[in-house]
């Protein structure tokens, strides 16, 4: 949440917190499933979403010394499921084909409709959505980056459990969503954790050692998403992982990197690579498993298939791209070299791959400051063509082709 001073256009306060809906699941699919299994879950999820928004409102107003009653308007952007849950709208149609969105553009709402405790008659501008899984947060990101107004061909990727992808320029943009799964959040990764103190966020492998960047500069206790991508990219570079994503055998490892070969060992019957050893028991160390690598392969293949299909829709090639924008909370920590090495983004000059950061938040601030930009956000609905990947005959073959790491 950002509190804006409309006289200066500058942020008066910024706060963030974890969504209080987390007990119902860490992702939107889990939360939709909860509403389908328990008739009381929708009301509970709405209440928790609104509690989160209310808490953020109190925090930014307190930080800036502003009476909440003197906040006269809000802008809100989020994915379609989260927006519908905050409004108490049944999200079940979003979870199954043909993935129906109740409405792409909501009628005029008040801040009180989403539980935001500001002026009683404060209106709320809610960003429109392109499809069931390309929501208002991505439209906001397109507004902030000027994707539909730029002459250059640019590829926009918001990396996450549901990864949204857009490609094009002022002459036309196509967008889609790729179900990447939770690997980038390090969920279902054996030693995975969210990006908190003790998480390995960067990995560099030399001929004889492994250098780790750890959040908080403390002893490593787990591996977050950026660390996972870095570790796999470095193992591919050194040859300890082959292009199929399998660890090489002990003999090959000893030949390639004798000093690193002892890190390739087993926990139970599974091959692992030890990143940070704790004592003599490998099972208590921080390590990367063969299954972890498969999780990342599936995630990156889904995203790569998404942008490959979009290139086909516009009859373009990756060489036509002037810039790749990595958006979202994860995208800003993703190393371009690692993203290219594992095939997450097209193989182009690293200088053309940039972190766009929290462009959804930037778009929301732009809309708060300008009625003209709000109109532009609405026009994006008519300027961007949504491509649904589910049910496409070419998806599975393209997905299989993208599983391998680039040679």
Protein backbone atom coordinates (compact mmCIF):
# COMPACT_ATOMS: atom_id res chain seq x y z
CA UNK A 1 0.00 0.00 0.00
CA UNK A 2 1.19 3.47 -0.91
CA UNK A 3 -0.33 6.68 0.45
CA UNK A 4 0.05 9.46 -2.14
CA UNK A 5 0.10 13.19 -1.54
CA UNK A 6 -1.85 14.43 -4.57
CA UNK A 7 -0.42 17.95 -4.28
CA UNK A 8 3.11 16.74 -4.89
CA UNK A 9 2.50 13.32 -6.44
CA UNK A 10 4.97 11.86 -3.96
CA UNK A 11 4.44 8.86 -1.65
CA UNK A 12 3.74 9.93 1.92
CA UNK A 13 4.05 6.36 3.25
CA UNK A 14 4.56 2.80 2.01
CA UNK A 15 3.77 -0.45 3.85
CA UNK A 16 3.48 -4.14 2.99
CA UNK A 17 2.32 -7.29 4.76
CA UNK A 18 1.49 -10.93 4.07
CA UNK A 19 -2.08 -11.54 2.94
CA UNK A 20 -4.19 -12.81 5.83
CA UNK A 21 -5.80 -15.33 3.48
CA UNK A 22 -2.72 -17.54 3.76
CA UNK A 23 -4.35 -20.13 6.09
CA UNK A 24 -6.58 -21.01 3.12
CA UNK A 25 -3.56 -21.68 0.88
CA UNK A 26 -0.46 -19.96 -0.47
CA UNK A 27 -1.86 -19.56 -4.00
CA UNK A 28 -5.13 -18.57 -5.62
CA UNK A 29 -5.98 -22.10 -6.80
CA UNK A 30 -5.93 -23.35 -3.19
CA UNK A 31 -8.18 -20.50 -2.14
CA UNK A 32 -10.64 -21.12 -4.96
CA UNK A 33 -10.69 -24.80 -3.99
CA UNK A 34 -11.48 -23.77 -0.41
CA UNK A 35 -14.59 -21.89 -1.57
CA UNK A 36 -15.73 -24.98 -3.50
CA UNK A 37 -15.28 -27.33 -0.53
CA UNK A 38 -16.62 -25.12 2.26
CA UNK A 39 -19.66 -22.88 1.82
CA UNK A 40 -18.38 -20.54 4.52
CA UNK A 41 -14.93 -20.10 2.99
CA UNK A 42 -15.89 -17.33 0.55
CA UNK A 43 -17.15 -15.07 3.34
CA UNK A 44 -14.05 -15.86 5.41
CA UNK A 45 -11.70 -15.15 2.50
CA UNK A 46 -13.47 -11.87 1.76
CA UNK A 47 -13.21 -10.86 5.41
CA UNK A 48 -9.49 -11.70 5.55
CA UNK A 49 -8.74 -9.82 2.32
CA UNK A 50 -10.55 -6.75 3.61
CA UNK A 51 -8.82 -7.04 6.99
CA UNK A 52 -5.48 -6.99 5.15
CA UNK A 53 -6.42 -3.89 3.16
CA UNK A 54 -7.74 -2.17 6.29
CA UNK A 55 -4.57 -2.93 8.24
CA UNK A 56 -2.38 -1.56 5.44
CA UNK A 57 -4.55 1.56 5.31
CA UNK A 58 -4.18 2.16 9.04
CA UNK A 59 -0.40 1.63 8.82
CA UNK A 60 0.26 4.05 5.94
CA UNK A 61 -2.01 6.70 7.45
CA UNK A 62 -0.33 6.35 10.85
CA UNK A 63 3.13 6.56 9.29
CA UNK A 64 2.24 9.77 7.45
CA UNK A 65 0.19 11.27 10.29
CA UNK A 66 -2.92 11.46 8.08
CA UNK A 67 -6.51 11.00 9.23
CA UNK A 68 -7.96 8.10 7.14
CA UNK A 69 -11.09 10.21 6.71
CA UNK A 70 -9.00 12.64 4.66
CA UNK A 71 -8.21 9.99 2.05
CA UNK A 72 -10.73 10.73 -0.68
CA UNK A 73 -10.02 8.11 -3.33
CA UNK A 74 -8.24 4.76 -3.78
CA UNK A 75 -6.89 2.79 -6.73
CA UNK A 76 -6.66 -0.98 -6.49
CA UNK A 77 -4.98 -3.56 -8.70
CA UNK A 78 -4.66 -7.30 -8.27
CA UNK A 79 -5.17 -10.57 -10.07
CA UNK A 80 -8.74 -11.51 -10.97
CA UNK A 81 -9.17 -14.12 -8.22
CA UNK A 82 -7.92 -11.82 -5.47
CA UNK A 83 -10.10 -8.94 -6.67
CA UNK A 84 -13.20 -11.12 -6.80
CA UNK A 85 -12.49 -12.59 -3.35
CA UNK A 86 -12.11 -9.11 -1.87
CA UNK A 87 -15.53 -8.26 -3.31
CA UNK A 88 -17.13 -11.54 -2.22
CA UNK A 89 -17.68 -12.75 -5.80
CA UNK A 90 -17.68 -16.51 -6.37
CA UNK A 91 -14.34 -17.39 -8.06
CA UNK A 92 -15.26 -20.97 -9.04
CA UNK A 93 -15.79 -20.16 -12.79
CA UNK A 94 -12.17 -18.97 -12.93
CA UNK A 95 -10.86 -22.39 -11.94
CA UNK A 96 -12.10 -24.54 -14.82
CA UNK A 97 -12.49 -24.33 -18.59
CA UNK A 98 -13.65 -22.13 -20.24
CA UNK A 99 -12.28 -19.89 -17.39
CA UNK A 100 -15.09 -17.35 -17.27
CA UNK A 101 -14.46 -13.88 -15.86
CA UNK A 102 -17.59 -12.40 -14.28
CA UNK A 103 -16.72 -9.00 -15.71
CA UNK A 104 -13.56 -7.57 -17.23
CA UNK A 105 -14.38 -4.08 -16.00
CA UNK A 106 -16.14 -3.52 -12.69
CA UNK A 107 -18.82 -0.85 -12.19
CA UNK A 108 -18.03 2.21 -10.08
CA UNK A 109 -17.19 1.08 -6.55
CA UNK A 110 -16.56 2.79 -3.25
CA UNK A 111 -13.52 2.16 -1.05
CA UNK A 112 -15.93 0.75 1.53
CA UNK A 113 -16.93 -2.00 -0.95
CA UNK A 114 -13.46 -3.51 -0.47
CA UNK A 115 -13.28 -2.76 3.23
CA UNK A 116 -10.86 0.17 3.02
CA UNK A 117 -11.62 2.51 5.96
CA UNK A 118 -11.16 5.94 4.38
CA UNK A 119 -13.71 8.69 3.62
CA UNK A 120 -17.18 7.13 3.54
CA UNK A 121 -17.88 8.26 -0.04
CA UNK A 122 -14.37 7.76 -1.42
CA UNK A 123 -14.57 6.12 -4.87
CA UNK A 124 -12.35 3.18 -5.82
CA UNK A 125 -10.77 2.80 -9.24
CA UNK A 126 -10.20 -0.92 -9.83
CA UNK A 127 -8.02 -1.91 -12.77
CA UNK A 128 -9.79 -3.95 -15.48
CA UNK A 129 -8.64 -7.46 -16.43
CA UNK A 130 -7.82 -9.07 -19.77
CA UNK A 131 -8.65 -12.66 -18.84
CA UNK A 132 -9.12 -15.10 -16.00
CA UNK A 133 -5.39 -15.22 -15.31
CA UNK A 134 -4.22 -11.89 -16.73
CA UNK A 135 -5.72 -9.47 -14.26
CA UNK A 136 -5.67 -5.85 -13.22
CA UNK A 137 -2.15 -6.11 -11.80
CA UNK A 138 -0.81 -6.91 -15.28
CA UNK A 139 -2.90 -4.18 -16.94
CA UNK A 140 -1.42 -1.82 -14.33
CA UNK A 141 2.06 -3.09 -15.19
CA UNK A 142 1.43 -2.52 -18.91
CA UNK A 143 0.32 1.02 -18.12
CA UNK A 144 3.44 1.70 -16.06
CA UNK A 145 5.83 0.31 -18.67
CA UNK A 146 4.02 1.87 -21.64
CA UNK A 147 4.00 -1.50 -23.39
CA UNK A 148 1.15 -0.56 -25.74
CA UNK A 149 2.60 2.90 -26.51
CA UNK A 150 6.22 2.04 -27.34
CA UNK A 151 7.64 1.60 -30.83
CA UNK A 152 10.04 -1.06 -29.59
CA UNK A 153 9.00 -4.70 -29.45
CA UNK A 154 9.19 -5.72 -25.80
CA UNK A 155 8.54 -8.93 -23.89
CA UNK A 156 6.96 -8.52 -20.45
CA UNK A 157 7.11 -11.44 -17.98
CA UNK A 158 5.71 -11.37 -14.46
CA UNK A 159 7.36 -14.44 -12.94
CA UNK A 160 5.40 -16.33 -10.30
CA UNK A 161 3.09 -19.25 -9.59
CA UNK A 162 0.91 -17.92 -12.39
CA UNK A 163 3.26 -16.18 -14.79
CA UNK A 164 1.73 -13.54 -17.03
CA UNK A 165 3.43 -12.79 -20.34
CA UNK A 166 2.83 -10.01 -22.87
CA UNK A 167 4.60 -9.28 -26.17
CA UNK A 168 4.34 -6.45 -28.65
CA UNK A 169 4.47 -2.69 -29.18
CA UNK A 170 2.21 0.18 -30.21
CA UNK A 171 1.08 -1.76 -33.27
CA UNK A 172 -0.33 -4.61 -31.20
CA UNK A 173 0.19 -6.65 -28.05
CA UNK A 174 -0.71 -10.25 -27.23
CA UNK A 175 -0.82 -11.61 -23.68
CA UNK A 176 -1.22 -14.95 -21.95
CA UNK A 177 -0.76 -16.71 -18.62
CA UNK A 178 1.45 -19.72 -18.01
CA UNK A 179 0.85 -22.01 -15.01
CA UNK A 180 4.41 -22.13 -13.68
CA UNK A 181 3.64 -23.67 -10.28
CA UNK A 182 5.19 -22.71 -6.96
CA UNK A 183 8.88 -23.37 -7.75
CA UNK A 184 9.80 -19.67 -7.96
CA UNK A 185 8.36 -19.16 -4.48
CA UNK A 186 10.50 -22.17 -3.43
CA UNK A 187 7.39 -24.06 -2.37
CA UNK A 188 7.71 -27.85 -2.86
CA UNK A 189 11.49 -27.39 -2.92
CA UNK A 190 13.10 -29.69 -0.33
CA UNK A 191 15.11 -26.95 1.39
CA UNK A 192 12.94 -24.14 0.05
CA UNK A 193 11.77 -21.11 2.01
CA UNK A 194 10.43 -17.66 1.26
CA UNK A 195 12.85 -14.77 0.85
CA UNK A 196 13.49 -14.10 4.54
CA UNK A 197 16.57 -13.99 6.78
CA UNK A 198 18.71 -17.07 6.26
CA UNK A 199 17.53 -17.76 2.71
CA UNK A 200 20.16 -18.31 0.04
CA UNK A 201 19.31 -15.73 -2.66
CA UNK A 202 22.40 -15.98 -4.86
CA UNK A 203 24.83 -18.75 -5.85
CA UNK A 204 28.14 -18.57 -7.72
CA UNK A 205 30.18 -21.71 -8.41
CA UNK A 206 33.91 -21.59 -9.16
CA UNK A 207 36.23 -24.50 -9.98
CA UNK A 208 36.78 -25.31 -6.33
CA UNK A 209 34.11 -23.61 -4.22
CA UNK A 210 30.51 -22.41 -3.91
CA UNK A 211 29.91 -18.77 -2.93
CA UNK A 212 26.51 -17.99 -1.40
CA UNK A 213 24.59 -14.76 -0.91
CA UNK A 214 22.37 -15.12 2.15
CA UNK A 215 19.66 -12.68 3.21
CA UNK A 216 20.70 -11.04 6.46
CA UNK A 217 24.32 -12.25 6.11
CA UNK A 218 23.63 -15.12 8.52
CA UNK A 219 24.15 -18.87 8.31
CA UNK A 220 22.00 -20.31 5.50
CA UNK A 221 18.88 -22.18 6.58
CA UNK A 222 17.15 -22.65 3.22
CA UNK A 223 16.86 -21.67 -0.42
CA UNK A 224 14.52 -19.04 -1.90
CA UNK A 225 13.42 -18.74 -5.54
CA UNK A 226 16.25 -16.57 -6.86
CA UNK A 227 18.79 -18.83 -5.15
CA UNK A 228 17.18 -21.88 -6.77
CA UNK A 229 17.46 -20.34 -10.25
CA UNK A 230 21.06 -19.25 -9.62
CA UNK A 231 22.09 -22.67 -8.28
CA UNK A 232 20.62 -24.56 -11.23
CA UNK A 233 22.07 -22.09 -13.76
CA UNK A 234 25.53 -22.43 -12.22
CA UNK A 235 25.33 -26.24 -12.19
CA UNK A 236 24.35 -26.18 -15.87
CA UNK A 237 27.25 -23.84 -16.64
CA UNK A 238 29.80 -26.03 -14.88
CA UNK A 239 28.45 -29.18 -16.54
CA UNK A 240 27.43 -30.89 -13.28
CA UNK A 241 23.87 -30.81 -14.64
CA UNK A 242 23.39 -32.01 -18.20
CA UNK A 243 20.94 -30.42 -20.64
CA UNK A 244 18.23 -32.91 -19.68
CA UNK A 245 18.43 -31.70 -16.08
CA UNK A 246 20.10 -34.79 -14.61
CA UNK A 247 23.12 -34.68 -12.32
CA UNK A 248 26.14 -36.21 -14.07
CA UNK A 249 27.54 -39.43 -12.58
CA UNK A 250 30.33 -39.41 -10.00
CA UNK A 251 33.05 -40.22 -12.51
CA UNK A 252 32.06 -37.37 -14.83
CA UNK A 253 31.77 -34.97 -11.87
CA UNK A 254 35.27 -35.86 -10.67
CA UNK A 255 36.61 -35.14 -14.15
CA UNK A 256 34.77 -31.84 -14.55
CA UNK A 257 35.25 -30.34 -11.08
CA UNK A 258 37.24 -32.51 -8.65
CA UNK A 259 36.85 -30.07 -5.75
CA UNK A 260 33.06 -29.92 -6.18
CA UNK A 261 32.42 -33.61 -6.85
CA UNK A 262 32.08 -34.51 -3.11
CA UNK A 263 29.12 -32.14 -2.92
CA UNK A 264 27.26 -34.51 -5.24
CA UNK A 265 25.97 -37.17 -2.87
CA UNK A 266 22.75 -38.84 -1.78
CA UNK A 267 20.05 -38.25 0.81
CA UNK A 268 18.32 -41.58 1.04
CA UNK A 269 18.14 -42.79 -2.54
CA UNK A 270 18.01 -39.33 -4.11
CA UNK A 271 20.98 -37.56 -5.65
CA UNK A 272 21.61 -34.09 -4.21
CA UNK A 273 24.10 -31.24 -4.50
CA UNK A 274 25.09 -29.76 -1.14
CA UNK A 275 25.11 -25.95 -1.10
CA UNK A 276 25.83 -25.39 2.61
CA UNK A 277 26.95 -28.21 4.85
CA UNK A 278 25.88 -28.41 8.50
CA UNK A 279 27.82 -30.99 10.42
CA UNK A 280 28.43 -34.50 9.15
CA UNK A 281 24.83 -35.39 8.29
CA UNK A 282 23.97 -34.32 4.75
CA UNK A 283 20.25 -34.51 5.57
CA UNK A 284 20.61 -31.50 7.90
CA UNK A 285 22.44 -29.42 5.27
CA UNK A 286 20.99 -27.05 2.65
CA UNK A 287 20.99 -28.93 -0.63
CA UNK A 288 19.41 -29.17 -4.06
CA UNK A 289 17.68 -32.40 -5.08
CA UNK A 290 17.01 -33.94 -8.45
CA UNK A 291 13.29 -33.42 -7.83
CA UNK A 292 13.87 -29.71 -7.09
CA UNK A 293 15.50 -29.34 -10.49
CA UNK A 294 12.54 -31.04 -12.17
CA UNK A 295 10.17 -28.58 -10.44
CA UNK A 296 12.18 -25.66 -11.84
CA UNK A 297 12.30 -27.27 -15.30
CA UNK A 298 8.52 -27.59 -15.41
CA UNK A 299 8.11 -23.95 -14.30
CA UNK A 300 10.57 -22.47 -16.77
CA UNK A 301 9.27 -24.69 -19.61
CA UNK A 302 5.74 -23.42 -19.03
CA UNK A 303 6.86 -19.79 -19.22
CA UNK A 304 9.11 -20.39 -22.22
CA UNK A 305 6.25 -22.16 -24.01
CA UNK A 306 4.06 -19.14 -23.29
CA UNK A 307 6.38 -16.64 -24.91
CA UNK A 308 7.20 -19.00 -27.76
CA UNK A 309 3.50 -19.23 -28.62
CA UNK A 310 3.14 -15.44 -28.43
CA UNK A 311 6.04 -15.01 -30.86
CA UNK A 312 4.18 -17.33 -33.23
CA UNK A 313 0.97 -15.30 -32.83
CA UNK A 314 2.78 -12.13 -33.95
CA UNK A 315 4.97 -13.99 -36.50
CA UNK A 316 8.08 -12.72 -34.74
CA UNK A 317 11.35 -14.21 -33.53
CA UNK A 318 13.19 -13.57 -30.24
CA UNK A 319 15.78 -11.56 -32.21
CA UNK A 320 13.06 -8.95 -32.86
CA UNK A 321 12.81 -8.13 -29.14
CA UNK A 322 14.43 -4.88 -28.02
CA UNK A 323 13.88 -5.47 -24.31
CA UNK A 324 12.73 -8.14 -21.85
CA UNK A 325 11.03 -6.78 -18.73
CA UNK A 326 11.09 -9.03 -15.66
CA UNK A 327 8.30 -7.83 -13.40
CA UNK A 328 6.93 -8.67 -9.98
CA UNK A 329 8.47 -9.22 -6.59
CA UNK A 330 10.46 -12.22 -7.86
CA UNK A 331 11.47 -10.76 -11.22
CA UNK A 332 13.43 -7.93 -9.63
CA UNK A 333 15.78 -10.41 -7.92
CA UNK A 334 16.26 -12.71 -10.90
CA UNK A 335 19.75 -12.53 -12.43
CA UNK A 336 19.47 -12.03 -16.23
CA UNK A 337 22.40 -14.36 -16.92
CA UNK A 338 20.78 -17.16 -14.91
CA UNK A 339 17.41 -16.59 -16.59
CA UNK A 340 19.01 -16.93 -20.04
CA UNK A 341 21.13 -19.94 -19.02
CA UNK A 342 18.15 -22.03 -17.92
CA UNK A 343 15.99 -20.91 -20.87
CA UNK A 344 13.47 -18.89 -18.87
CA UNK A 345 13.84 -15.93 -21.26
CA UNK A 346 15.01 -15.77 -24.90
CA UNK A 347 18.74 -15.79 -25.52
CA UNK A 348 19.41 -12.11 -26.18
CA UNK A 349 22.01 -9.60 -24.96
CA UNK A 350 21.95 -9.40 -21.18
CA UNK A 351 21.82 -5.60 -21.34
CA UNK A 352 18.38 -5.92 -22.91
CA UNK A 353 17.00 -7.86 -19.93
CA UNK A 354 15.94 -5.48 -17.18
CA UNK A 355 14.21 -5.72 -13.84
CA UNK A 356 10.97 -3.75 -14.00
CA UNK A 357 10.25 -4.16 -10.27
CA UNK A 358 6.79 -3.59 -8.83
CA UNK A 359 5.23 -2.16 -11.99
CA UNK A 360 1.74 -3.07 -10.77
CA UNK A 361 2.22 -0.69 -7.85
CA UNK A 362 3.68 1.97 -10.14
CA UNK A 363 0.69 1.69 -12.47
CA UNK A 364 -1.68 2.08 -9.53
CA UNK A 365 0.12 5.29 -8.49
CA UNK A 366 -0.01 6.62 -12.06
CA UNK A 367 -3.76 5.96 -12.20
CA UNK A 368 -4.24 7.68 -8.84
CA UNK A 369 -2.62 10.83 -10.22
CA UNK A 370 -4.19 11.01 -13.68
CA UNK A 371 -7.70 10.57 -15.09
CA UNK A 372 -6.16 10.37 -18.57
CA UNK A 373 -4.03 7.40 -17.51
CA UNK A 374 -7.10 5.66 -16.09
CA UNK A 375 -8.70 6.00 -19.50
CA UNK A 376 -5.53 4.53 -21.00
CA UNK A 377 -5.79 1.56 -18.61
CA UNK A 378 -9.34 0.93 -19.83
CA UNK A 379 -8.24 1.21 -23.46
CA UNK A 380 -5.65 -1.55 -22.89
CA UNK A 381 -8.59 -3.97 -22.80
CA UNK A 382 -9.20 -3.21 -26.48
CA UNK A 383 -5.54 -2.94 -27.52
CA UNK A 384 -4.28 -6.27 -26.14
CA UNK A 385 -5.38 -9.66 -27.46
CA UNK A 386 -5.60 -12.40 -24.82
CA UNK A 387 -4.33 -15.84 -25.88
CA UNK A 388 -5.63 -18.81 -23.89
CA UNK A 389 -3.04 -21.61 -23.69
CA UNK A 390 -5.28 -24.34 -22.27
CA UNK A 391 -6.63 -26.64 -24.95
CA UNK A 392 -4.15 -25.53 -27.63
CA UNK A 393 -3.01 -28.43 -29.76
CA UNK A 394 0.54 -27.05 -29.98
CA UNK A 395 1.06 -26.47 -26.25
CA UNK A 396 2.17 -29.94 -25.16
CA UNK A 397 4.72 -30.39 -27.95
CA UNK A 398 6.15 -26.91 -27.35
CA UNK A 399 6.28 -27.58 -23.60
CA UNK A 400 8.27 -30.80 -24.10
CA UNK A 401 10.69 -28.95 -26.38
CA UNK A 402 11.31 -26.30 -23.69
CA UNK A 403 12.03 -28.72 -20.82
CA UNK A 404 15.72 -29.14 -21.62
CA UNK A 405 18.25 -26.53 -20.56
CA UNK A 406 19.85 -24.68 -23.51
CA UNK A 407 23.10 -26.24 -24.71
